[in-house]
């Protein structure tokens, strides 16, 4: 083959680079194949296909890529592990499995941005829900107890200071609501519900302190708005996606029904065999990529080793879990001999070690899953961090203003109503309010 314009085709498995004396190979396959060759005391020669493809079956029944080399008996076995399919099993024999594999979706990591919902992040949604349920329970207990207390007082002929039943319910709600906001209340619970009220006061005090202590940290922590996290979301986003040409996955997409998931992805494909260009476009965010997970890990490993950054993220959904094998000609005498060596290396852990060495630095980018180490660094608060709090504040002010305006229009604001004074929580007679008592009588000696 020509060495003038060669690009490595098997990242993470077999890396080929041009040198003055020809092509040089590196990667986990090189020491593996050297172990196999030394066990048989034979020499090892790498043969690369002219088209630099894994290989597919052509309409005339022949194969291209690596499969053509095996089929035409130009090589004794494939030099890289390959995935089997029903069509391939009819023509080739598969040896011991080398590694379990699956395909991952990778894309440029988005830029961290301020989280306007940071003010609700100090607690999880489960804690917020439990808090609201508890507040509702306290409100109902207060309402029921105060209503029962009001009825007992009336039966004994006493006077009640709690107003109507609706006023008692509203007063109980305000008492249960204002204490989590650290606001005072002019009304105190009465009767047997005081124990529930005391526990509620203690609980709201603890929760309020915990919320304040975690609020700043949650507001500083940015969020990563991922464009997609699954294959379906990738299709809905319309982002272009790179796949390696003439692979089993590529053929599955081309042969899929147009209404299927793979069929809908077909219009977003970017297909070529220039892997350096694909890697460069991937880092620049021009497209996503779907490829074997170990190949993508090798790319992340190389980027981190060269730049110390993690510009890519992996979607949580994986595609097509499969097994990789060395392929042989039908009834090849090499297959049982090589299988014994592969099995021993795999069971001893040497095989896994060989592949992990080519992905060692990728672990720095995978420790946080879809989050980046840069996303957790300290940063100054932006004005956008306060959007959520300001919207809540403005919404409350608008609601209060509308309520005040409606009360003014309906004539509901009055210091006196009949012979009673209307407070926010209770209705009291003027005689019971010390500072509104009748003025003292004038002295007889004064005119």
Protein backbone atom coordinates (compact mmCIF):
# COMPACT_ATOMS: atom_id res chain seq x y z
CA UNK A 1 0.00 0.00 0.00
CA UNK A 2 1.03 3.63 -0.40
CA UNK A 3 2.59 5.22 2.69
CA UNK A 4 2.24 8.77 1.44
CA UNK A 5 -1.20 9.52 2.83
CA UNK A 6 -1.97 6.99 5.55
CA UNK A 7 -4.23 7.68 8.51
CA UNK A 8 -4.55 5.36 11.53
CA UNK A 9 -7.81 3.46 11.36
CA UNK A 10 -8.00 1.70 14.73
CA UNK A 11 -7.60 4.19 17.62
CA UNK A 12 -7.26 2.53 21.00
CA UNK A 13 -6.27 -0.79 19.41
CA UNK A 14 -3.66 -0.26 16.75
CA UNK A 15 -2.07 3.11 16.07
CA UNK A 16 0.02 3.43 12.93
CA UNK A 17 2.33 6.32 12.16
CA UNK A 18 4.71 7.07 9.33
CA UNK A 19 8.45 6.88 9.96
CA UNK A 20 11.55 7.18 7.72
CA UNK A 21 11.82 3.41 7.44
CA UNK A 22 8.11 2.81 6.78
CA UNK A 23 5.07 2.42 9.04
CA UNK A 24 5.38 1.83 12.77
CA UNK A 25 2.59 0.32 14.84
CA UNK A 26 1.80 0.81 18.52
CA UNK A 27 -1.08 0.02 20.82
CA UNK A 28 -2.25 -2.97 22.88
CA UNK A 29 -2.47 -5.23 19.84
CA UNK A 30 1.30 -4.96 19.17
CA UNK A 31 2.49 -6.60 22.46
CA UNK A 32 -0.41 -9.04 22.26
CA UNK A 33 0.53 -10.22 18.80
CA UNK A 34 4.21 -10.32 19.79
CA UNK A 35 3.31 -12.69 22.63
CA UNK A 36 1.41 -14.89 20.19
CA UNK A 37 4.26 -14.88 17.67
CA UNK A 38 6.92 -15.64 20.30
CA UNK A 39 4.83 -18.55 21.62
CA UNK A 40 4.94 -20.16 18.16
CA UNK A 41 8.51 -19.04 17.47
CA UNK A 42 7.48 -17.36 14.25
CA UNK A 43 7.77 -13.90 12.76
CA UNK A 44 5.04 -11.29 12.70
CA UNK A 45 4.18 -9.17 9.67
CA UNK A 46 1.42 -6.54 9.57
CA UNK A 47 -0.53 -6.16 6.32
CA UNK A 48 -2.83 -3.14 5.93
CA UNK A 49 -5.74 -2.99 3.48
CA UNK A 50 -5.43 -0.51 0.66
CA UNK A 51 -8.84 1.05 1.38
CA UNK A 52 -8.14 1.35 5.15
CA UNK A 53 -11.58 -0.09 5.97
CA UNK A 54 -12.81 -2.68 8.42
CA UNK A 55 -14.73 -4.21 5.56
CA UNK A 56 -18.23 -4.97 4.31
CA UNK A 57 -19.65 -7.53 1.92
CA UNK A 58 -20.00 -6.23 -1.64
CA UNK A 59 -22.97 -7.05 -3.90
CA UNK A 60 -20.90 -9.63 -5.79
CA UNK A 61 -20.28 -11.60 -2.58
CA UNK A 62 -16.69 -10.49 -2.04
CA UNK A 63 -15.41 -8.41 0.84
CA UNK A 64 -13.27 -5.31 1.15
CA UNK A 65 -11.05 -4.00 3.94
CA UNK A 66 -9.57 -6.41 6.46
CA UNK A 67 -12.07 -9.11 5.51
CA UNK A 68 -10.75 -9.18 1.96
CA UNK A 69 -7.23 -9.90 3.25
CA UNK A 70 -8.51 -12.86 5.29
CA UNK A 71 -10.80 -14.11 2.55
CA UNK A 72 -8.06 -13.95 -0.11
CA UNK A 73 -5.63 -15.74 2.27
CA UNK A 74 -3.22 -12.83 2.23
CA UNK A 75 -3.09 -13.01 6.02
CA UNK A 76 -3.57 -15.83 8.52
CA UNK A 77 -5.83 -13.83 10.85
CA UNK A 78 -7.15 -10.34 11.39
CA UNK A 79 -4.72 -8.05 13.19
CA UNK A 80 -7.43 -6.25 15.19
CA UNK A 81 -10.49 -7.60 17.03
CA UNK A 82 -13.67 -7.32 14.96
CA UNK A 83 -17.38 -7.67 15.57
CA UNK A 84 -19.19 -10.68 14.14
CA UNK A 85 -22.47 -10.65 12.23
CA UNK A 86 -24.57 -13.38 10.57
CA UNK A 87 -23.05 -12.55 7.18
CA UNK A 88 -19.51 -12.69 8.56
CA UNK A 89 -20.04 -15.97 10.41
CA UNK A 90 -20.92 -17.68 7.12
CA UNK A 91 -17.53 -16.83 5.64
CA UNK A 92 -15.13 -16.51 8.60
CA UNK A 93 -14.39 -18.23 11.89
CA UNK A 94 -14.22 -16.24 15.14
CA UNK A 95 -11.73 -17.08 17.86
CA UNK A 96 -11.83 -16.40 21.59
CA UNK A 97 -13.39 -13.07 22.46
CA UNK A 98 -10.84 -10.35 23.12
CA UNK A 99 -12.99 -7.80 24.91
CA UNK A 100 -16.58 -6.83 25.43
CA UNK A 101 -17.40 -3.63 23.63
CA UNK A 102 -20.19 -1.16 23.03
CA UNK A 103 -20.59 2.09 21.18
CA UNK A 104 -20.80 5.44 22.89
CA UNK A 105 -21.97 8.87 21.81
CA UNK A 106 -19.54 11.71 22.39
CA UNK A 107 -19.78 15.44 21.75
CA UNK A 108 -18.13 18.73 22.67
CA UNK A 109 -18.70 19.55 26.32
CA UNK A 110 -20.89 22.66 26.71
CA UNK A 111 -19.67 25.76 28.50
CA UNK A 112 -20.69 25.99 32.18
CA UNK A 113 -23.26 28.71 32.78
CA UNK A 114 -25.12 30.20 35.72
CA UNK A 115 -28.00 28.16 37.12
CA UNK A 116 -31.07 30.33 37.70
CA UNK A 117 -32.61 27.50 39.76
CA UNK A 118 -29.66 27.41 42.13
CA UNK A 119 -31.77 28.81 44.97
CA UNK A 120 -33.81 25.57 45.11
CA UNK A 121 -30.75 23.30 44.93
CA UNK A 122 -29.82 23.35 48.68
CA UNK A 123 -32.50 20.66 49.11
CA UNK A 124 -33.56 17.88 46.78
CA UNK A 125 -37.05 17.77 45.33
CA UNK A 126 -37.87 14.98 47.78
CA UNK A 127 -36.97 17.18 50.75
CA UNK A 128 -38.95 20.12 49.35
CA UNK A 129 -41.96 17.88 48.80
CA UNK A 130 -41.73 16.45 52.32
CA UNK A 131 -41.44 19.98 53.70
CA UNK A 132 -44.61 21.13 51.89
CA UNK A 133 -46.51 18.05 53.06
CA UNK A 134 -45.41 18.69 56.64
CA UNK A 135 -46.46 22.35 56.43
CA UNK A 136 -49.87 21.29 55.14
CA UNK A 137 -50.19 18.81 58.02
CA UNK A 138 -49.31 21.49 60.58
CA UNK A 139 -51.83 23.87 59.01
CA UNK A 140 -54.60 21.27 59.19
CA UNK A 141 -53.73 20.44 62.82
CA UNK A 142 -53.82 24.12 63.80
CA UNK A 143 -57.06 24.73 61.96
CA UNK A 144 -58.82 21.70 63.40
CA UNK A 145 -57.62 22.34 66.95
CA UNK A 146 -58.47 26.04 66.94
CA UNK A 147 -61.91 25.35 65.45
CA UNK A 148 -62.57 22.77 68.17
CA UNK A 149 -61.33 25.20 70.83
CA UNK A 150 -63.60 27.90 69.42
CA UNK A 151 -66.63 25.60 69.56
CA UNK A 152 -65.92 24.55 73.16
CA UNK A 153 -65.65 28.18 74.28
CA UNK A 154 -68.98 29.04 72.66
CA UNK A 155 -70.69 26.07 74.27
CA UNK A 156 -69.54 27.31 77.68
CA UNK A 157 -70.96 30.73 76.94
CA UNK A 158 -67.62 32.45 76.56
CA UNK A 159 -66.58 34.85 73.84
CA UNK A 160 -64.22 33.87 71.03
CA UNK A 161 -61.53 36.14 69.72
CA UNK A 162 -60.73 34.16 66.61
CA UNK A 163 -63.34 35.54 64.21
CA UNK A 164 -65.15 33.32 61.72
CA UNK A 165 -64.18 29.75 60.83
CA UNK A 166 -62.58 30.98 57.60
CA UNK A 167 -60.57 33.55 59.58
CA UNK A 168 -59.32 30.77 61.88
CA UNK A 169 -58.23 28.74 58.85
CA UNK A 170 -56.45 31.71 57.33
CA UNK A 171 -54.75 32.57 60.63
CA UNK A 172 -53.57 28.95 61.03
CA UNK A 173 -52.19 28.92 57.49
CA UNK A 174 -50.30 32.17 57.99
CA UNK A 175 -48.81 30.91 61.26
CA UNK A 176 -47.57 27.71 59.59
CA UNK A 177 -46.31 29.65 56.54
CA UNK A 178 -44.53 32.67 58.02
CA UNK A 179 -42.20 30.85 60.42
CA UNK A 180 -40.18 29.05 57.67
CA UNK A 181 -39.66 32.56 56.25
CA UNK A 182 -38.35 33.76 59.64
CA UNK A 183 -41.27 36.20 60.01
CA UNK A 184 -43.06 36.87 63.33
CA UNK A 185 -46.68 36.10 64.03
CA UNK A 186 -49.02 37.96 66.41
CA UNK A 187 -51.11 34.86 67.03
CA UNK A 188 -50.21 31.88 69.22
CA UNK A 189 -51.69 28.38 68.99
CA UNK A 190 -53.91 27.25 71.83
CA UNK A 191 -54.90 23.88 73.20
CA UNK A 192 -53.29 20.50 72.58
CA UNK A 193 -51.72 21.52 69.27
CA UNK A 194 -48.96 23.47 71.00
CA UNK A 195 -46.67 20.41 70.92
CA UNK A 196 -47.06 20.17 67.13
CA UNK A 197 -46.46 23.91 66.88
CA UNK A 198 -43.30 23.69 68.96
CA UNK A 199 -41.88 20.87 66.86
CA UNK A 200 -42.71 22.86 63.73
CA UNK A 201 -40.86 25.91 65.08
CA UNK A 202 -37.77 23.81 65.83
CA UNK A 203 -37.92 22.08 62.42
CA UNK A 204 -38.24 25.35 60.50
CA UNK A 205 -35.33 26.83 62.47
CA UNK A 206 -33.04 23.92 61.53
CA UNK A 207 -34.15 23.87 57.90
CA UNK A 208 -33.75 27.63 57.53
CA UNK A 209 -30.20 27.51 58.88
CA UNK A 210 -29.28 24.61 56.60
CA UNK A 211 -30.79 26.40 53.60
CA UNK A 212 -28.86 29.61 54.26
CA UNK A 213 -25.57 27.77 54.75
CA UNK A 214 -25.89 25.88 51.43
CA UNK A 215 -27.51 28.60 49.35
CA UNK A 216 -24.32 30.40 48.32
CA UNK A 217 -22.57 27.16 47.34
CA UNK A 218 -25.49 26.05 45.20
CA UNK A 219 -25.75 29.44 43.50
CA UNK A 220 -22.01 29.45 42.68
CA UNK A 221 -22.13 25.90 41.27
CA UNK A 222 -22.83 26.26 37.51
CA UNK A 223 -24.80 23.89 35.36
CA UNK A 224 -23.82 22.14 32.14
CA UNK A 225 -26.69 22.31 29.62
CA UNK A 226 -26.02 19.07 27.71
CA UNK A 227 -27.37 19.19 24.15
CA UNK A 228 -28.29 15.49 24.37
CA UNK A 229 -27.75 12.48 26.62
CA UNK A 230 -29.17 9.64 24.51
CA UNK A 231 -29.48 8.58 20.89
CA UNK A 232 -33.09 9.76 20.70
CA UNK A 233 -32.14 13.20 22.03
CA UNK A 234 -29.30 13.34 19.49
CA UNK A 235 -31.79 12.71 16.69
CA UNK A 236 -34.17 15.36 18.03
CA UNK A 237 -31.36 17.92 18.35
CA UNK A 238 -30.47 17.61 14.66
CA UNK A 239 -26.72 17.65 15.41
CA UNK A 240 -24.57 15.98 12.76
CA UNK A 241 -22.96 12.72 13.80
CA UNK A 242 -19.76 11.09 12.56
CA UNK A 243 -19.50 7.31 12.11
CA UNK A 244 -16.67 5.26 10.65
CA UNK A 245 -17.38 4.05 7.12
CA UNK A 246 -17.93 0.36 6.30
CA UNK A 247 -18.53 -0.80 9.85
CA UNK A 248 -21.32 -2.99 11.14
CA UNK A 249 -22.93 0.02 12.78
CA UNK A 250 -22.75 2.07 9.59
CA UNK A 251 -24.30 -0.75 7.58
CA UNK A 252 -27.06 -1.15 10.18
CA UNK A 253 -27.96 2.52 9.78
CA UNK A 254 -27.95 2.32 5.98
CA UNK A 255 -30.18 -0.76 6.02
CA UNK A 256 -32.59 0.41 8.73
CA UNK A 257 -36.20 1.31 8.06
CA UNK A 258 -36.76 5.05 7.66
CA UNK A 259 -39.21 5.11 10.59
CA UNK A 260 -36.80 3.39 12.99
CA UNK A 261 -34.35 5.14 15.28
CA UNK A 262 -31.37 4.27 13.09
CA UNK A 263 -33.30 5.29 9.98
CA UNK A 264 -34.05 8.73 11.40
CA UNK A 265 -30.37 9.15 12.26
CA UNK A 266 -29.35 8.49 8.65
CA UNK A 267 -29.91 12.10 7.55
CA UNK A 268 -27.48 13.43 10.19
CA UNK A 269 -24.52 11.18 9.33
CA UNK A 270 -21.05 12.42 8.51
CA UNK A 271 -19.12 9.50 7.00
CA UNK A 272 -15.46 9.41 5.97
CA UNK A 273 -12.25 7.66 6.99
CA UNK A 274 -10.08 10.66 7.81
CA UNK A 275 -9.88 10.12 11.58
CA UNK A 276 -7.59 13.10 12.36
CA UNK A 277 -10.06 15.37 10.61
CA UNK A 278 -12.98 13.73 12.44
CA UNK A 279 -11.23 14.21 15.79
CA UNK A 280 -10.46 17.85 14.98
CA UNK A 281 -14.06 18.56 13.95
CA UNK A 282 -15.32 16.76 17.05
CA UNK A 283 -13.24 18.96 19.35
CA UNK A 284 -14.43 22.06 17.48
CA UNK A 285 -18.06 21.04 17.99
CA UNK A 286 -18.89 20.60 14.31
CA UNK A 287 -20.48 17.20 14.92
CA UNK A 288 -20.93 14.44 17.48
CA UNK A 289 -19.48 10.96 17.02
CA UNK A 290 -20.62 7.38 17.59
CA UNK A 291 -17.85 4.81 17.78
CA UNK A 292 -16.49 1.96 19.87
CA UNK A 293 -16.13 3.05 23.47
CA UNK A 294 -12.47 2.03 23.77
CA UNK A 295 -11.62 4.01 20.61
CA UNK A 296 -13.26 7.13 22.02
CA UNK A 297 -11.47 6.63 25.33
CA UNK A 298 -8.19 6.56 23.44
CA UNK A 299 -9.05 9.90 21.84
CA UNK A 300 -9.92 11.41 25.24
CA UNK A 301 -6.69 9.93 26.63
CA UNK A 302 -4.62 11.56 23.88
CA UNK A 303 -6.33 14.95 24.27
CA UNK A 304 -5.83 15.01 28.02
CA UNK A 305 -2.20 13.93 27.72
CA UNK A 306 -1.45 16.68 25.19
CA UNK A 307 -3.55 19.55 26.54
CA UNK A 308 -4.58 18.61 30.09
CA UNK A 309 -8.23 19.36 29.29
CA UNK A 310 -11.41 17.32 28.88
CA UNK A 311 -13.33 18.98 26.02
CA UNK A 312 -15.61 16.00 25.34
CA UNK A 313 -18.43 14.34 27.25
CA UNK A 314 -20.03 10.91 26.89
CA UNK A 315 -23.78 10.42 26.69
CA UNK A 316 -25.12 8.12 29.39
CA UNK A 317 -26.83 5.84 26.87
CA UNK A 318 -24.73 3.17 25.15
CA UNK A 319 -25.46 1.47 21.84
CA UNK A 320 -25.15 -2.13 20.69
CA UNK A 321 -23.14 -4.02 23.33
CA UNK A 322 -21.11 -6.63 21.46
CA UNK A 323 -17.99 -8.80 21.59
CA UNK A 324 -14.79 -8.47 19.59
CA UNK A 325 -12.89 -11.42 18.14
CA UNK A 326 -9.93 -12.22 15.95
CA UNK A 327 -11.18 -13.56 12.60
CA UNK A 328 -9.73 -16.51 10.69
CA UNK A 329 -10.33 -18.38 7.50
CA UNK A 330 -12.75 -21.26 7.75
CA UNK A 331 -11.10 -24.33 9.35
CA UNK A 332 -7.90 -22.40 10.01
CA UNK A 333 -5.23 -24.30 11.94
CA UNK A 334 -4.18 -21.10 13.70
CA UNK A 335 -7.46 -20.50 15.51
CA UNK A 336 -7.27 -23.23 18.23
CA UNK A 337 -3.61 -22.45 18.90
CA UNK A 338 -4.14 -18.71 19.30
CA UNK A 339 -7.32 -19.26 21.34
CA UNK A 340 -5.36 -21.02 24.06
CA UNK A 341 -2.99 -18.07 24.43
CA UNK A 342 -5.80 -15.49 24.34
CA UNK A 343 -7.74 -17.38 26.99
CA UNK A 344 -4.74 -17.54 29.34
CA UNK A 345 -3.95 -13.85 28.89
CA UNK A 346 -7.55 -12.86 29.52
CA UNK A 347 -7.95 -14.99 32.64
CA UNK A 348 -4.70 -13.69 34.09
CA UNK A 349 -5.74 -10.05 33.57
CA UNK A 350 -2.88 -9.26 31.21
CA UNK A 351 -5.24 -8.62 28.32
CA UNK A 352 -7.23 -6.01 30.25
CA UNK A 353 -4.01 -4.37 31.39
CA UNK A 354 -2.80 -3.98 27.82
CA UNK A 355 -5.94 -2.12 26.79
CA UNK A 356 -6.12 0.03 29.95
CA UNK A 357 -2.62 1.37 29.35
CA UNK A 358 -3.89 3.06 26.18
CA UNK A 359 -6.73 4.75 28.12
CA UNK A 360 -5.04 5.54 31.41
CA UNK A 361 -5.37 9.33 31.30
CA UNK A 362 -8.99 9.16 30.19
CA UNK A 363 -9.99 8.34 33.77
CA UNK A 364 -9.39 11.99 34.73
CA UNK A 365 -12.19 13.01 32.37
CA UNK A 366 -14.56 10.21 33.42
CA UNK A 367 -14.40 10.63 37.19
CA UNK A 368 -17.20 13.19 37.18
CA UNK A 369 -19.40 11.47 34.58
CA UNK A 370 -20.96 14.19 32.46
CA UNK A 371 -19.52 16.97 34.65
CA UNK A 372 -16.11 18.51 34.16
CA UNK A 373 -13.46 19.31 36.72
CA UNK A 374 -13.59 22.88 35.40
CA UNK A 375 -17.30 23.08 36.18
CA UNK A 376 -16.61 22.76 39.92
CA UNK A 377 -13.93 25.42 40.22
CA UNK A 378 -14.52 28.56 42.26
CA UNK A 379 -15.96 31.49 40.38
CA UNK A 380 -17.49 34.88 41.09
CA UNK A 381 -21.25 35.20 41.19
CA UNK A 382 -22.84 36.65 38.08
CA UNK A 383 -25.99 38.70 37.86
CA UNK A 384 -27.64 35.74 36.14
CA UNK A 385 -27.16 33.70 39.33
CA UNK A 386 -29.74 35.93 40.99
CA UNK A 387 -32.34 35.67 38.25
CA UNK A 388 -34.25 32.91 40.04
CA UNK A 389 -34.34 34.72 43.38
CA UNK A 390 -35.24 38.03 41.74
CA UNK A 391 -38.06 36.44 39.76
CA UNK A 392 -39.47 34.93 42.96
CA UNK A 393 -39.16 38.29 44.71
CA UNK A 394 -40.75 40.22 41.84
CA UNK A 395 -43.51 37.66 41.54
CA UNK A 396 -44.28 37.99 45.26
CA UNK A 397 -44.26 41.79 45.06
CA UNK A 398 -46.58 41.74 42.06
CA UNK A 399 -48.95 39.36 43.83
CA UNK A 400 -48.93 41.53 46.97
CA UNK A 401 -49.51 44.65 44.89
CA UNK A 402 -52.43 43.10 43.04
CA UNK A 403 -53.95 41.94 46.33
CA UNK A 404 -53.60 45.42 47.83
CA UNK A 405 -55.14 47.02 44.74
CA UNK A 406 -58.11 44.64 44.78
CA UNK A 407 -58.73 45.32 48.47
CA UNK A 408 -58.64 49.05 47.85
CA UNK A 409 -61.04 48.77 44.93
CA UNK A 410 -63.43 46.57 46.85
CA UNK A 411 -63.31 48.75 49.96
CA UNK A 412 -61.93 45.95 52.09
CA UNK A 413 -59.37 48.05 53.93
CA UNK A 414 -60.78 49.69 57.01
CA UNK A 415 -59.43 50.14 60.48
CA UNK A 416 -62.86 49.69 61.98
CA UNK A 417 -65.72 47.49 60.99
CA UNK A 418 -68.73 47.97 63.14
CA UNK A 419 -67.55 47.69 66.72
CA UNK A 420 -64.48 45.59 65.95
CA UNK A 421 -60.93 46.24 64.75
CA UNK A 422 -59.73 44.01 61.92
CA UNK A 423 -56.19 42.64 62.37
CA UNK A 424 -54.40 40.42 59.92
CA UNK A 425 -54.94 37.42 62.17
CA UNK A 426 -57.76 38.09 64.68
CA UNK A 427 -60.75 40.32 65.26
CA UNK A 428 -60.83 42.11 68.61
CA UNK A 429 -63.28 44.39 70.33
CA UNK A 430 -62.00 47.94 71.01
CA UNK A 431 -62.60 47.40 74.72
CA UNK A 432 -59.99 44.62 74.66
CA UNK A 433 -57.32 46.80 73.05
CA UNK A 434 -55.62 48.87 75.77
CA UNK A 435 -54.52 51.71 73.59
CA UNK A 436 -58.02 52.19 72.10
CA UNK A 437 -59.85 52.23 75.43
CA UNK A 438 -62.19 55.16 76.20
CA UNK A 439 -60.37 58.34 77.24
CA UNK A 440 -60.45 59.22 80.94
CA UNK A 441 -63.20 61.61 82.18
CA UNK A 442 -62.35 65.27 82.50
CA UNK A 443 -61.57 66.55 85.97
CA UNK A 444 -64.52 68.30 87.71
CA UNK A 445 -62.42 71.32 88.56
CA UNK A 446 -61.54 72.01 84.96
CA UNK A 447 -63.72 73.70 82.41
